[in-house]
Amino acid sequence: MAITSAIVLFFVIWFMVLFVVLPIGVRTQGDENDVVPGTLPGSPVNFRIRRTFAIVTLISTVLFVIIAGIILSGVLRISELGWI
């Protein structure tokens, strides 16, 4: 796997994990019954982006190491998946 492929793989995994992690544990203004005028009730109250990015990066790194290890070891090949 070339370095460019590894970088692309990491960022694809990172963004997929980001969209899975984003809604977890978010409290909305509607949940808190404290809607600021001019905003939607579904707006988050205390959204901690740094914490979310840290969690996403940690999970993505673990998944990347596992997936890259499988790709580089040759344990699983595309021809074995039956697509071709």
C-alpha atoms as a PDB file:
ATOM      1  CA  MET A   1       0.000   0.000   0.000  1.00  0.00           C
ATOM      2  CA  ALA A   2       1.431   3.357  -1.029  1.00  0.00           C
ATOM      3  CA  ILE A   3       1.524   6.277   1.383  1.00  0.00           C
ATOM      4  CA  THR A   4      -1.199   8.064  -0.596  1.00  0.00           C
ATOM      5  CA  SER A   5      -3.473   5.048  -0.342  1.00  0.00           C
ATOM      6  CA  ALA A   6      -2.842   4.833   3.396  1.00  0.00           C
ATOM      7  CA  ILE A   7      -3.691   8.521   3.890  1.00  0.00           C
ATOM      8  CA  VAL A   8      -6.870   8.223   1.833  1.00  0.00           C
ATOM      9  CA  LEU A   9      -7.887   5.076   3.723  1.00  0.00           C
ATOM     10  CA  PHE A  10      -7.321   6.794   7.076  1.00  0.00           C
ATOM     11  CA  PHE A  11      -9.403   9.847   6.156  1.00  0.00           C
ATOM     12  CA  VAL A  12     -12.232   7.745   4.730  1.00  0.00           C
ATOM     13  CA  ILE A  13     -12.333   5.774   7.974  1.00  0.00           C
ATOM     14  CA  TRP A  14     -12.055   9.009  10.008  1.00  0.00           C
ATOM     15  CA  PHE A  15     -15.033  10.668   8.323  1.00  0.00           C
ATOM     16  CA  MET A  16     -17.156   7.524   8.550  1.00  0.00           C
ATOM     17  CA  VAL A  17     -16.435   7.263  12.284  1.00  0.00           C
ATOM     18  CA  LEU A  18     -17.105  11.005  12.689  1.00  0.00           C
ATOM     19  CA  PHE A  19     -20.637  10.681  11.340  1.00  0.00           C
ATOM     20  CA  VAL A  20     -21.277   7.710  13.630  1.00  0.00           C
ATOM     21  CA  VAL A  21     -19.929   9.448  16.752  1.00  0.00           C
ATOM     22  CA  LEU A  22     -21.437  12.928  16.208  1.00  0.00           C
ATOM     23  CA  PRO A  23     -24.964  12.224  17.532  1.00  0.00           C
ATOM     24  CA  ILE A  24     -23.803  10.185  20.548  1.00  0.00           C
ATOM     25  CA  GLY A  25     -24.410  11.947  23.853  1.00  0.00           C
ATOM     26  CA  VAL A  26     -25.565  15.261  22.386  1.00  0.00           C
ATOM     27  CA  ARG A  27     -28.118  17.178  24.458  1.00  0.00           C
ATOM     28  CA  THR A  28     -30.327  19.525  22.449  1.00  0.00           C
ATOM     29  CA  GLN A  29     -31.909  22.799  23.464  1.00  0.00           C
ATOM     30  CA  GLY A  30     -35.280  21.087  23.227  1.00  0.00           C
ATOM     31  CA  ASP A  31     -34.119  18.404  25.682  1.00  0.00           C
ATOM     32  CA  GLU A  32     -33.007  21.075  28.141  1.00  0.00           C
ATOM     33  CA  ASN A  33     -36.152  23.232  27.636  1.00  0.00           C
ATOM     34  CA  ASP A  34     -33.898  26.240  27.075  1.00  0.00           C
ATOM     35  CA  VAL A  35     -34.366  27.243  23.424  1.00  0.00           C
ATOM     36  CA  VAL A  36     -32.479  30.410  22.491  1.00  0.00           C
ATOM     37  CA  PRO A  37     -34.634  32.691  20.315  1.00  0.00           C
ATOM     38  CA  GLY A  38     -33.696  32.366  16.661  1.00  0.00           C
ATOM     39  CA  THR A  39     -32.357  28.806  16.930  1.00  0.00           C
ATOM     40  CA  LEU A  40     -33.936  25.422  16.368  1.00  0.00           C
ATOM     41  CA  PRO A  41     -34.889  23.214  19.320  1.00  0.00           C
ATOM     42  CA  GLY A  42     -32.598  20.534  17.867  1.00  0.00           C
ATOM     43  CA  SER A  43     -29.488  22.694  18.257  1.00  0.00           C
ATOM     44  CA  PRO A  44     -26.890  21.244  20.628  1.00  0.00           C
ATOM     45  CA  VAL A  45     -26.433  22.827  24.047  1.00  0.00           C
ATOM     46  CA  ASN A  46     -22.784  22.105  24.919  1.00  0.00           C
ATOM     47  CA  PHE A  47     -21.091  20.587  21.892  1.00  0.00           C
ATOM     48  CA  ARG A  48     -17.462  19.717  22.644  1.00  0.00           C
ATOM     49  CA  ILE A  49     -15.787  19.459  19.240  1.00  0.00           C
ATOM     50  CA  ARG A  50     -12.261  18.783  20.564  1.00  0.00           C
ATOM     51  CA  ARG A  51     -13.452  15.855  22.649  1.00  0.00           C
ATOM     52  CA  THR A  52     -15.411  14.486  19.694  1.00  0.00           C
ATOM     53  CA  PHE A  53     -12.405  14.815  17.352  1.00  0.00           C
ATOM     54  CA  ALA A  54     -10.152  13.099  19.904  1.00  0.00           C
ATOM     55  CA  ILE A  55     -12.549  10.162  20.250  1.00  0.00           C
ATOM     56  CA  VAL A  56     -12.955   9.905  16.465  1.00  0.00           C
ATOM     57  CA  THR A  57      -9.197   9.995  15.913  1.00  0.00           C
ATOM     58  CA  LEU A  58      -8.587   7.292  18.521  1.00  0.00           C
ATOM     59  CA  ILE A  59     -11.232   4.961  17.097  1.00  0.00           C
ATOM     60  CA  SER A  60     -10.104   5.662  13.516  1.00  0.00           C
ATOM     61  CA  THR A  61      -6.484   4.906  14.337  1.00  0.00           C
ATOM     62  CA  VAL A  62      -7.388   1.540  15.822  1.00  0.00           C
ATOM     63  CA  LEU A  63      -9.600   0.664  12.830  1.00  0.00           C
ATOM     64  CA  PHE A  64      -6.932   1.857  10.386  1.00  0.00           C
ATOM     65  CA  VAL A  65      -4.255  -0.334  11.976  1.00  0.00           C
ATOM     66  CA  ILE A  66      -6.552  -3.363  11.801  1.00  0.00           C
ATOM     67  CA  ILE A  67      -7.667  -2.745   8.205  1.00  0.00           C
ATOM     68  CA  ALA A  68      -4.178  -1.830   6.961  1.00  0.00           C
ATOM     69  CA  GLY A  69      -2.798  -4.932   8.652  1.00  0.00           C
ATOM     70  CA  ILE A  70      -5.328  -7.111   6.861  1.00  0.00           C
ATOM     71  CA  ILE A  71      -4.566  -5.458   3.516  1.00  0.00           C
ATOM     72  CA  LEU A  72      -0.785  -5.655   3.894  1.00  0.00           C
ATOM     73  CA  SER A  73      -0.724  -9.220   5.209  1.00  0.00           C
ATOM     74  CA  GLY A  74      -2.663 -10.549   2.231  1.00  0.00           C
ATOM     75  CA  VAL A  75      -5.062 -12.501   4.466  1.00  0.00           C
ATOM     76  CA  LEU A  76      -8.014 -11.221   2.480  1.00  0.00           C
ATOM     77  CA  ARG A  77      -7.874 -10.531  -1.232  1.00  0.00           C
ATOM     78  CA  ILE A  78     -10.463  -8.930  -3.494  1.00  0.00           C
ATOM     79  CA  SER A  79     -10.578 -12.052  -5.650  1.00  0.00           C
ATOM     80  CA  GLU A  80     -11.662 -14.059  -2.582  1.00  0.00           C
ATOM     81  CA  LEU A  81     -14.675 -11.823  -1.995  1.00  0.00           C
ATOM     82  CA  GLY A  82     -16.382 -13.116  -5.130  1.00  0.00           C
ATOM     83  CA  TRP A  83     -16.896  -9.715  -6.732  1.00  0.00           C
ATOM     84  CA  ILE A  84     -14.702 -10.507  -9.727  1.00  0.00           C
END
